[in-house]
Amino acid sequence: MYSLDDTIAAISTPLGEGGIGIVRLTGPEAAEILSHIFVRAADPPATDLDPRVLHYGHVIEPATGGLVDEVLAVHMPAPKTYTRQDMVEIQCHGGIVALRRVLSLCLRHGARLAEPGEFTARAFLNGRLDLAQAEAVLDVVQARTEVSLQAAIGQLAGRLSGEVRSVRSTLLETLAYLEASLDFAEDEIPERQIGPDLEQAIVSLSQLLEEAERGIIYRQGIRAAIVGRPNVGKSSLLNRLLRTSRAIVTNIPGTTRDTLEETVNLQGVPVVLVDTAGITEQSEDVIERLGIERSRTALARSDLALLVVDASQPPTEADRAIAGLVNGKPAVLVLNKIDLVASVDQDAGSMLDAPTIPVSALTGEGIEALEQTIVDAVFAGQVVPAEPPAVTSPRHKEALSRALDHAQMALAAHRAGQLPDLITIDLTAAVNALGEITGQTAGEDLVEMIFSRFCVGK
């Protein structure tokens, strides 16, 4: 799947203009390739480089001696590197032309272009990271809130891996005892009570799964569609929640013709707010009809609906029709424009079986209560823990669930006095499920799928 014998290279910084861009190499010929294209600015110029020292100099075109870029370069010998192979990093100016010329020189002198995630894949294959830690690298890069970042950092540091290994070790010891009692039935195998070990493993797995849904939300976030009829203040509400003027707001109904997405951080939860076009029953405007269709699609795809109605007017049939579309989905009824009324019409709250929050997108009144209600809806009113959950990946949750099921079946079989060979079937399945998380029993297809989600250069 991944060769470890060749040298790979890639641009490891985002493409575009910037102060610095980095070309990265790893593999047995990394240092030699650098010696061909980099000349240290010394007197006289030199190609010999002290390891782990940042050297100032120039990347040159070896055939002509022409200058390509003024750079800083470092050679990091194995094994104390990210991939546990020789590594080179060349810090260029952050223009795409210079970066591509430097990368092209690396490829012409023996490197090949890295596959997505191949640097981290080598770190995994060479034993520097286990599979859960390798996945956390991508989570760190993609973290959208402080909480999701801290959860990813904890996983990268081995928090989840350590807990999984501990449970897996307990189950492996139990499995080894049962297999030994079967293979060496004529010998005197010291008796061991496996019930307490299985019970402890079940408790540990249950605790990990307890916060899994919350962890997945912190990592992936939720989508909240802001829906309602035209001119009820949906775009104004988006701007108020974002604390910036992101959507165009006018007094003309139907200003929003398309969906607009922005992410806001609510108590550590990334919430993708989707501003939608006002939903009406009929429209002669082709563009408006397309916008309404996209609004319906956005509502169907959302995890949460924010139904906005105009509190300064009695509920209309259009409001009730949209409430009918929202029914069956987690929702919050937002009574906007309360700055225009002395008191809120309580009849509006009967449209939807959902929390009702009066707000003014114009003045900001009620916005904090709305934000708290959104968070409560996400977590079903549970108290948010101070420490981020250890489990943040649906893949890990599914593997832990399988391990828990098999451990529970093994314990039930043991208590029922079934033969050891029947118990070992479930124990083996539990051990293998946990091994999929850290990589001991992960197949090539799974590993390739995981690293294919990475960017090239990471």
Protein backbone atom coordinates (compact mmCIF):
# COMPACT_ATOMS: atom_id res chain seq x y z
CA MET A 1 0.00 0.00 0.00
CA TYR A 2 2.66 2.51 1.09
CA SER A 3 6.31 1.99 0.18
CA LEU A 4 8.84 3.01 2.83
CA ASP A 5 11.89 2.57 0.59
CA ASP A 6 11.55 5.66 -1.59
CA THR A 7 11.72 9.36 -0.82
CA ILE A 8 8.58 11.47 -1.01
CA ALA A 9 8.14 15.22 -1.29
CA ALA A 10 5.24 17.67 -1.13
CA ILE A 11 4.30 21.26 -0.40
CA SER A 12 3.11 21.16 3.20
CA THR A 13 1.63 24.64 3.49
CA PRO A 14 -1.62 25.91 1.93
CA LEU A 15 -1.26 27.02 -1.69
CA GLY A 16 -1.44 30.75 -2.29
CA GLU A 17 0.52 33.82 -1.29
CA GLY A 18 2.07 34.02 2.16
CA GLY A 19 5.17 34.86 4.09
CA ILE A 20 6.49 31.30 4.19
CA GLY A 21 5.85 28.12 2.23
CA ILE A 22 7.39 24.76 3.16
CA VAL A 23 8.52 21.93 0.92
CA ARG A 24 8.95 18.72 2.88
CA LEU A 25 10.82 15.51 2.06
CA THR A 26 11.20 12.22 3.89
CA GLY A 27 12.93 8.97 3.00
CA PRO A 28 16.42 7.53 2.57
CA GLU A 29 17.51 10.03 -0.14
CA ALA A 30 16.14 13.20 1.48
CA ALA A 31 19.53 14.54 2.55
CA GLU A 32 21.16 13.70 -0.79
CA ILE A 33 18.42 15.48 -2.74
CA LEU A 34 18.89 18.55 -0.56
CA SER A 35 22.63 18.52 -1.23
CA HIS A 36 21.95 18.73 -4.99
CA ILE A 37 19.67 21.75 -4.89
CA PHE A 38 20.68 23.78 -1.79
CA VAL A 39 23.81 25.84 -1.24
CA ARG A 40 24.48 27.26 2.19
CA ALA A 41 25.35 30.95 2.28
CA ALA A 42 28.84 30.58 3.69
CA ASP A 43 32.23 31.86 2.69
CA PRO A 44 32.95 29.96 0.56
CA PRO A 45 29.44 28.52 -0.23
CA ALA A 46 28.98 25.03 1.18
CA THR A 47 26.66 22.04 0.75
CA ASP A 48 27.58 20.27 4.01
CA LEU A 49 24.92 20.83 6.68
CA ASP A 50 24.95 20.22 10.40
CA PRO A 51 21.85 18.15 11.27
CA ARG A 52 18.93 19.74 13.10
CA VAL A 53 20.23 23.24 12.42
CA LEU A 54 18.34 25.75 10.30
CA HIS A 55 20.67 26.89 7.52
CA TYR A 56 20.31 30.03 5.42
CA GLY A 57 21.09 29.77 1.75
CA HIS A 58 19.67 29.36 -1.75
CA VAL A 59 17.93 26.72 -3.79
CA ILE A 60 19.66 26.58 -7.16
CA GLU A 61 19.06 25.00 -10.54
CA PRO A 62 22.00 22.53 -10.60
CA ALA A 63 22.24 22.43 -14.39
CA THR A 64 22.70 26.18 -14.74
CA GLY A 65 23.57 27.41 -11.26
CA GLY A 66 20.65 29.83 -11.44
CA LEU A 67 18.97 30.96 -8.23
CA VAL A 68 15.47 29.64 -7.59
CA ASP A 69 14.71 31.04 -4.13
CA GLU A 70 16.30 32.35 -0.95
CA VAL A 71 15.44 29.81 1.74
CA LEU A 72 16.09 28.26 5.13
CA ALA A 73 16.72 24.51 5.11
CA VAL A 74 17.09 21.85 7.78
CA HIS A 75 18.04 18.17 7.65
CA MET A 76 16.70 15.95 10.43
CA PRO A 77 18.29 12.47 10.52
CA ALA A 78 16.28 9.39 11.49
CA PRO A 79 14.93 8.14 13.81
CA LYS A 80 14.04 11.26 15.81
CA THR A 81 11.74 12.74 13.20
CA TYR A 82 8.01 12.88 12.47
CA THR A 83 8.21 9.83 10.18
CA ARG A 84 11.19 8.12 11.87
CA GLN A 85 12.97 8.47 8.53
CA ASP A 86 15.38 11.13 7.34
CA MET A 87 13.49 14.37 6.81
CA VAL A 88 14.21 17.67 5.10
CA GLU A 89 12.21 20.88 5.27
CA ILE A 90 12.86 23.83 3.00
CA GLN A 91 11.28 27.12 4.05
CA CYS A 92 10.71 29.15 0.92
CA HIS A 93 8.94 32.40 0.21
CA GLY A 94 5.22 31.70 0.20
CA GLY A 95 4.52 32.21 -3.48
CA ILE A 96 3.13 29.33 -5.47
CA VAL A 97 5.63 29.71 -8.34
CA ALA A 98 8.69 29.49 -6.09
CA LEU A 99 7.25 26.55 -4.14
CA ARG A 100 6.41 24.59 -7.27
CA ARG A 101 9.88 25.19 -8.72
CA VAL A 102 11.53 23.91 -5.53
CA LEU A 103 9.21 20.88 -5.43
CA SER A 104 9.92 20.20 -9.11
CA LEU A 105 13.66 20.16 -8.42
CA CYS A 106 13.13 17.65 -5.58
CA LEU A 107 11.13 15.38 -7.88
CA ARG A 108 13.71 15.62 -10.67
CA HIS A 109 16.47 14.55 -8.27
CA GLY A 110 14.85 11.35 -7.06
CA ALA A 111 11.80 12.07 -4.94
CA ARG A 112 8.24 11.23 -5.89
CA LEU A 113 5.16 13.26 -5.07
CA ALA A 114 3.64 12.17 -1.76
CA GLU A 115 0.15 10.71 -1.60
CA PRO A 116 -2.44 12.37 0.69
CA GLY A 117 -1.49 11.74 4.31
CA GLU A 118 1.61 9.75 3.39
CA PHE A 119 3.91 11.55 5.83
CA THR A 120 1.60 10.66 8.72
CA ALA A 121 1.09 7.17 7.27
CA ARG A 122 4.86 6.63 7.50
CA ALA A 123 4.77 7.84 11.11
CA PHE A 124 2.12 5.18 11.77
CA LEU A 125 3.83 2.39 9.83
CA ASN A 126 7.16 3.12 11.51
CA GLY A 127 5.59 2.98 14.98
CA ARG A 128 5.85 6.62 15.99
CA LEU A 129 2.05 7.03 16.16
CA ASP A 130 -0.71 4.48 16.52
CA LEU A 131 -3.75 4.76 14.26
CA ALA A 132 -5.87 6.75 16.71
CA GLN A 133 -3.05 9.26 17.20
CA ALA A 134 -2.54 9.52 13.44
CA GLU A 135 -6.23 10.34 12.99
CA ALA A 136 -5.87 13.02 15.68
CA VAL A 137 -3.31 14.83 13.51
CA LEU A 138 -6.07 15.59 11.00
CA ASP A 139 -8.45 16.53 13.82
CA VAL A 140 -5.93 19.09 15.11
CA VAL A 141 -5.67 20.62 11.64
CA GLN A 142 -9.45 20.74 11.18
CA ALA A 143 -10.43 21.79 14.73
CA ARG A 144 -12.94 24.66 14.64
CA THR A 145 -13.26 25.41 18.36
CA GLU A 146 -10.99 25.41 21.38
CA VAL A 147 -12.80 22.38 22.84
CA SER A 148 -12.44 20.34 19.64
CA LEU A 149 -8.76 21.32 19.50
CA GLN A 150 -8.16 20.21 23.09
CA ALA A 151 -9.94 16.92 22.42
CA ALA A 152 -7.74 16.33 19.35
CA ILE A 153 -4.57 17.24 21.26
CA GLY A 154 -5.54 14.79 24.00
CA GLN A 155 -6.01 12.02 21.45
CA LEU A 156 -2.72 12.91 19.75
CA ALA A 157 -1.00 12.66 23.13
CA GLY A 158 -2.38 9.13 23.51
CA ARG A 159 -5.27 9.63 25.94
CA LEU A 160 -7.71 7.39 24.06
CA SER A 161 -4.98 4.99 22.96
CA GLY A 162 -3.84 4.46 26.55
CA GLU A 163 -7.35 3.65 27.77
CA VAL A 164 -8.01 1.32 24.84
CA ARG A 165 -4.69 -0.48 25.31
CA SER A 166 -5.42 -0.98 29.01
CA VAL A 167 -8.79 -2.63 28.32
CA ARG A 168 -7.37 -4.64 25.43
CA SER A 169 -4.52 -5.88 27.61
CA THR A 170 -7.00 -7.11 30.23
CA LEU A 171 -9.04 -8.94 27.60
CA LEU A 172 -5.90 -10.41 26.00
CA GLU A 173 -4.72 -11.79 29.34
CA THR A 174 -8.14 -13.36 29.89
CA LEU A 175 -8.13 -14.78 26.37
CA ALA A 176 -4.62 -16.18 26.85
CA TYR A 177 -5.68 -17.90 30.07
CA LEU A 178 -8.71 -19.53 28.43
CA GLU A 179 -6.73 -20.67 25.39
CA ALA A 180 -4.00 -22.09 27.64
CA SER A 181 -6.61 -24.01 29.63
CA LEU A 182 -7.87 -25.49 26.36
CA ASP A 183 -4.48 -26.26 24.80
CA PHE A 184 -2.93 -27.66 27.94
CA ALA A 185 -5.95 -29.24 29.59
CA GLU A 186 -3.83 -32.09 30.98
CA ASP A 187 -1.42 -29.71 32.70
CA GLU A 188 -2.18 -27.91 35.89
CA ILE A 189 -3.01 -24.35 34.85
CA PRO A 190 -3.38 -22.09 37.90
CA GLU A 191 -7.06 -21.26 38.26
CA ARG A 192 -8.04 -17.69 37.52
CA GLN A 193 -11.33 -15.92 38.08
CA ILE A 194 -12.09 -14.19 34.78
CA GLY A 195 -15.40 -12.64 35.88
CA PRO A 196 -13.89 -9.57 37.64
CA ASP A 197 -11.60 -8.85 34.65
CA LEU A 198 -14.51 -8.98 32.22
CA GLU A 199 -16.63 -6.81 34.51
CA GLN A 200 -13.87 -4.19 34.77
CA ALA A 201 -13.39 -4.18 30.99
CA ILE A 202 -17.12 -3.65 30.50
CA VAL A 203 -17.14 -0.73 32.96
CA SER A 204 -14.18 0.92 31.19
CA LEU A 205 -15.72 0.50 27.74
CA SER A 206 -19.07 1.84 28.97
CA GLN A 207 -17.39 4.92 30.41
CA LEU A 208 -15.63 5.62 27.12
CA LEU A 209 -18.89 5.29 25.19
CA GLU A 210 -20.84 7.41 27.66
CA GLU A 211 -19.43 10.66 26.27
CA ALA A 212 -18.91 9.50 22.68
CA GLU A 213 -21.90 11.33 21.20
CA ARG A 214 -20.84 14.55 22.89
CA GLY A 215 -17.29 14.10 21.63
CA ILE A 216 -18.46 13.54 18.07
CA ILE A 217 -20.49 16.76 18.25
CA TYR A 218 -17.45 18.71 19.50
CA ARG A 219 -15.44 17.33 16.59
CA GLN A 220 -17.96 17.52 13.76
CA GLY A 221 -20.36 20.20 14.96
CA ILE A 222 -23.99 20.49 13.90
CA ARG A 223 -25.90 22.20 11.09
CA ALA A 224 -28.64 24.65 12.12
CA ALA A 225 -30.95 25.92 9.36
CA ILE A 226 -32.49 29.36 9.91
CA VAL A 227 -35.90 29.13 8.21
CA GLY A 228 -39.05 31.21 7.95
CA ARG A 229 -41.11 33.25 5.55
CA PRO A 230 -39.59 36.32 3.84
CA ASN A 231 -38.73 39.44 5.86
CA VAL A 232 -38.96 37.93 9.36
CA GLY A 233 -35.29 38.73 10.09
CA LYS A 234 -33.45 35.50 9.30
CA SER A 235 -30.38 37.24 7.87
CA SER A 236 -30.40 39.77 10.71
CA LEU A 237 -30.41 36.89 13.18
CA LEU A 238 -27.46 35.26 11.38
CA ASN A 239 -25.49 38.52 11.59
CA ARG A 240 -26.31 38.92 15.27
CA LEU A 241 -25.23 35.36 16.12
CA LEU A 242 -22.00 35.83 14.14
CA ARG A 243 -21.38 39.24 15.73
CA THR A 244 -20.64 40.59 12.25
CA SER A 245 -22.49 41.82 9.17
CA ARG A 246 -22.21 38.75 6.98
CA ALA A 247 -25.57 38.65 5.19
CA ILE A 248 -27.17 41.52 3.26
CA VAL A 249 -30.15 42.93 5.15
CA THR A 250 -32.82 45.24 3.65
CA ASN A 251 -36.48 46.05 4.20
CA ILE A 252 -37.27 44.46 0.84
CA PRO A 253 -38.78 40.96 1.24
CA GLY A 254 -36.85 38.17 -0.47
CA THR A 255 -33.37 39.74 -0.28
CA THR A 256 -31.83 36.32 0.39
CA ARG A 257 -32.01 34.18 -2.76
CA ASP A 258 -29.53 31.44 -1.84
CA THR A 259 -28.27 29.63 1.24
CA LEU A 260 -25.38 31.19 3.16
CA GLU A 261 -23.29 29.16 5.61
CA GLU A 262 -21.07 30.39 8.44
CA THR A 263 -19.71 28.64 11.53
CA VAL A 264 -20.10 30.02 15.04
CA ASN A 265 -18.55 28.67 18.24
CA LEU A 266 -21.19 28.09 20.92
CA GLN A 267 -19.60 26.86 24.16
CA GLY A 268 -17.08 24.79 22.22
CA VAL A 269 -19.60 23.37 19.73
CA PRO A 270 -19.04 24.29 16.06
CA VAL A 271 -22.50 25.28 14.81
CA VAL A 272 -22.84 25.76 11.05
CA LEU A 273 -25.59 28.37 10.67
CA VAL A 274 -27.38 28.14 7.32
CA ASP A 275 -29.26 31.29 6.35
CA THR A 276 -31.99 30.40 3.87
CA ALA A 277 -34.30 32.16 1.45
CA GLY A 278 -37.79 32.88 2.74
CA ILE A 279 -40.15 29.97 2.11
CA THR A 280 -43.40 30.81 0.35
CA GLU A 281 -46.07 28.63 -1.23
CA GLN A 282 -45.78 30.11 -4.71
CA SER A 283 -43.55 32.51 -6.59
CA GLU A 284 -43.46 33.71 -10.18
CA ASP A 285 -39.74 34.50 -9.89
CA VAL A 286 -37.63 31.60 -11.20
CA ILE A 287 -34.61 32.56 -9.06
CA GLU A 288 -36.77 32.88 -5.97
CA ARG A 289 -38.27 29.42 -6.62
CA LEU A 290 -34.75 27.96 -6.82
CA GLY A 291 -33.87 29.67 -3.54
CA ILE A 292 -36.98 28.24 -1.85
CA GLU A 293 -36.09 24.75 -3.06
CA ARG A 294 -32.59 25.14 -1.64
CA SER A 295 -34.12 26.31 1.63
CA ARG A 296 -36.17 23.13 1.85
CA THR A 297 -33.08 21.05 1.08
CA ALA A 298 -31.05 22.89 3.73
CA LEU A 299 -33.81 22.24 6.28
CA ALA A 300 -33.88 18.54 5.41
CA ARG A 301 -30.08 18.27 5.80
CA SER A 302 -29.91 20.21 9.06
CA ASP A 303 -29.53 18.74 12.54
CA LEU A 304 -31.48 21.61 14.11
CA ALA A 305 -34.03 24.11 12.77
CA LEU A 306 -34.33 27.71 13.95
CA LEU A 307 -37.83 28.73 12.87
CA VAL A 308 -37.99 32.52 12.84
CA VAL A 309 -41.34 34.33 13.00
CA ASP A 310 -42.17 38.03 13.25
CA ALA A 311 -43.32 38.70 16.82
CA SER A 312 -44.76 42.08 15.77
CA GLN A 313 -47.44 40.33 13.67
CA PRO A 314 -49.95 37.56 14.41
CA PRO A 315 -48.80 34.14 13.11
CA THR A 316 -49.73 33.67 9.47
CA GLU A 317 -50.73 30.60 7.53
CA ALA A 318 -47.28 30.71 5.90
CA ASP A 319 -45.67 30.56 9.38
CA ARG A 320 -47.80 27.56 10.28
CA ALA A 321 -47.03 25.83 7.00
CA ILE A 322 -43.29 26.19 7.59
CA ALA A 323 -43.77 24.95 11.16
CA GLY A 324 -45.32 21.85 9.60
CA LEU A 325 -42.14 21.31 7.58
CA VAL A 326 -40.06 21.66 10.74
CA ASN A 327 -42.13 19.26 12.86
CA GLY A 328 -40.27 16.03 13.64
CA LYS A 329 -36.86 17.73 13.69
CA PRO A 330 -35.10 19.20 16.76
CA ALA A 331 -36.02 22.87 16.63
CA VAL A 332 -36.16 26.24 18.38
CA LEU A 333 -38.96 28.73 17.71
CA VAL A 334 -37.43 32.21 17.50
CA LEU A 335 -39.84 35.12 18.01
CA ASN A 336 -37.94 37.97 16.38
CA LYS A 337 -38.55 41.76 16.42
CA ILE A 338 -39.67 41.93 20.06
CA ASP A 339 -38.27 45.47 20.06
CA LEU A 340 -41.38 46.45 18.09
CA VAL A 341 -43.96 45.14 20.58
CA ALA A 342 -44.86 45.78 24.19
CA SER A 343 -45.55 42.10 24.87
CA VAL A 344 -45.10 38.87 22.95
CA ASP A 345 -48.13 37.06 21.53
CA GLN A 346 -48.06 33.73 23.37
CA ASP A 347 -50.23 32.15 20.65
CA ALA A 348 -47.16 32.01 18.40
CA GLY A 349 -45.60 29.39 20.64
CA SER A 350 -48.39 26.94 19.88
CA MET A 351 -47.20 26.53 16.29
CA LEU A 352 -44.32 24.27 17.19
CA ASP A 353 -43.58 21.81 19.98
CA ALA A 354 -40.18 23.31 20.71
CA PRO A 355 -38.49 25.82 23.03
CA THR A 356 -39.69 29.36 22.26
CA ILE A 357 -37.20 32.21 22.60
CA PRO A 358 -38.15 35.89 22.10
CA VAL A 359 -35.29 37.91 20.59
CA SER A 360 -34.47 41.12 18.84
CA ALA A 361 -31.88 40.63 16.11
CA LEU A 362 -31.70 44.44 15.94
CA THR A 363 -30.84 45.14 19.59
CA GLY A 364 -29.40 41.77 20.64
CA GLU A 365 -32.02 41.19 23.34
CA GLY A 366 -32.53 37.46 23.96
CA ILE A 367 -29.57 36.34 21.85
CA GLU A 368 -27.66 34.84 24.80
CA ALA A 369 -30.77 32.89 25.80
CA LEU A 370 -31.09 31.64 22.22
CA GLU A 371 -27.46 30.51 22.15
CA GLN A 372 -27.90 28.63 25.42
CA THR A 373 -31.08 27.01 24.09
CA ILE A 374 -29.22 25.83 20.98
CA VAL A 375 -26.50 24.27 23.15
CA ASP A 376 -29.15 22.68 25.40
CA ALA A 377 -30.87 21.25 22.34
CA VAL A 378 -27.57 19.78 21.14
CA PHE A 379 -26.76 18.17 24.47
CA ALA A 380 -30.36 17.54 25.59
CA GLY A 381 -29.83 19.83 28.56
CA GLN A 382 -26.96 17.83 30.04
CA VAL A 383 -24.13 19.57 31.87
CA VAL A 384 -21.12 20.15 29.64
CA PRO A 385 -18.01 18.53 31.21
CA ALA A 386 -14.89 20.57 31.88
CA GLU A 387 -12.65 17.99 30.16
CA PRO A 388 -13.24 17.17 26.49
CA PRO A 389 -14.42 13.57 25.87
CA ALA A 390 -11.82 10.99 24.90
CA VAL A 391 -13.91 9.56 22.04
CA THR A 392 -14.62 12.01 19.19
CA SER A 393 -14.74 9.75 16.12
CA PRO A 394 -17.74 7.77 14.83
CA ARG A 395 -15.29 5.04 13.77
CA HIS A 396 -13.92 4.72 17.29
CA LYS A 397 -17.42 4.75 18.78
CA GLU A 398 -18.54 1.93 16.50
CA ALA A 399 -15.47 -0.19 17.32
CA LEU A 400 -15.92 0.42 21.06
CA SER A 401 -19.60 -0.55 20.79
CA ARG A 402 -18.68 -3.84 19.12
CA ALA A 403 -16.02 -4.52 21.75
CA LEU A 404 -18.51 -3.82 24.54
CA ASP A 405 -21.16 -6.11 23.01
CA HIS A 406 -18.70 -9.00 22.70
CA ALA A 407 -17.31 -8.46 26.21
CA GLN A 408 -20.84 -8.53 27.62
CA MET A 409 -21.63 -11.73 25.71
CA ALA A 410 -18.41 -13.30 26.97
CA LEU A 411 -19.32 -12.43 30.56
CA ALA A 412 -22.85 -13.80 30.10
CA ALA A 413 -21.43 -17.03 28.66
CA HIS A 414 -19.00 -17.32 31.59
CA ARG A 415 -21.77 -16.82 34.15
CA ALA A 416 -23.90 -19.39 32.35
CA GLY A 417 -21.07 -21.92 32.72
CA GLN A 418 -20.49 -22.34 29.00
CA LEU A 419 -17.33 -24.00 27.67
CA PRO A 420 -14.18 -21.83 27.43
CA ASP A 421 -13.92 -22.25 23.66
CA LEU A 422 -17.28 -20.51 23.23
CA ILE A 423 -16.18 -17.62 25.47
CA THR A 424 -12.95 -17.18 23.50
CA ILE A 425 -14.93 -16.45 20.31
CA ASP A 426 -16.41 -13.29 21.80
CA LEU A 427 -13.20 -12.34 23.57
CA THR A 428 -11.27 -12.59 20.29
CA ALA A 429 -13.83 -10.40 18.56
CA ALA A 430 -13.61 -7.79 21.36
CA VAL A 431 -9.81 -7.73 21.22
CA ASN A 432 -9.84 -7.33 17.43
CA ALA A 433 -12.40 -4.50 17.61
CA LEU A 434 -10.19 -2.57 20.02
CA GLY A 435 -7.16 -3.28 17.85
CA GLU A 436 -8.91 -1.54 14.95
CA ILE A 437 -8.80 1.71 16.95
CA THR A 438 -5.07 1.68 17.64
CA GLY A 439 -4.11 -0.16 14.46
CA GLN A 440 -2.96 -3.60 15.61
CA THR A 441 -5.79 -5.33 13.75
CA ALA A 442 -6.67 -2.68 11.17
CA GLY A 443 -6.71 -3.94 7.60
CA GLU A 444 -4.99 -2.22 4.69
CA ASP A 445 -8.28 -0.94 3.27
CA LEU A 446 -9.15 0.78 6.54
CA VAL A 447 -5.70 2.36 6.89
CA GLU A 448 -5.75 3.59 3.29
CA MET A 449 -9.24 5.04 3.73
CA ILE A 450 -8.18 6.96 6.85
CA PHE A 451 -5.09 8.53 5.33
CA SER A 452 -6.81 9.36 2.05
CA ARG A 453 -8.73 12.06 3.95
CA PHE A 454 -5.52 13.93 4.73
CA CYS A 455 -4.11 16.69 2.56
CA VAL A 456 -0.97 16.13 0.52
CA GLY A 457 2.04 17.14 2.60
CA LYS A 458 0.70 16.00 5.98
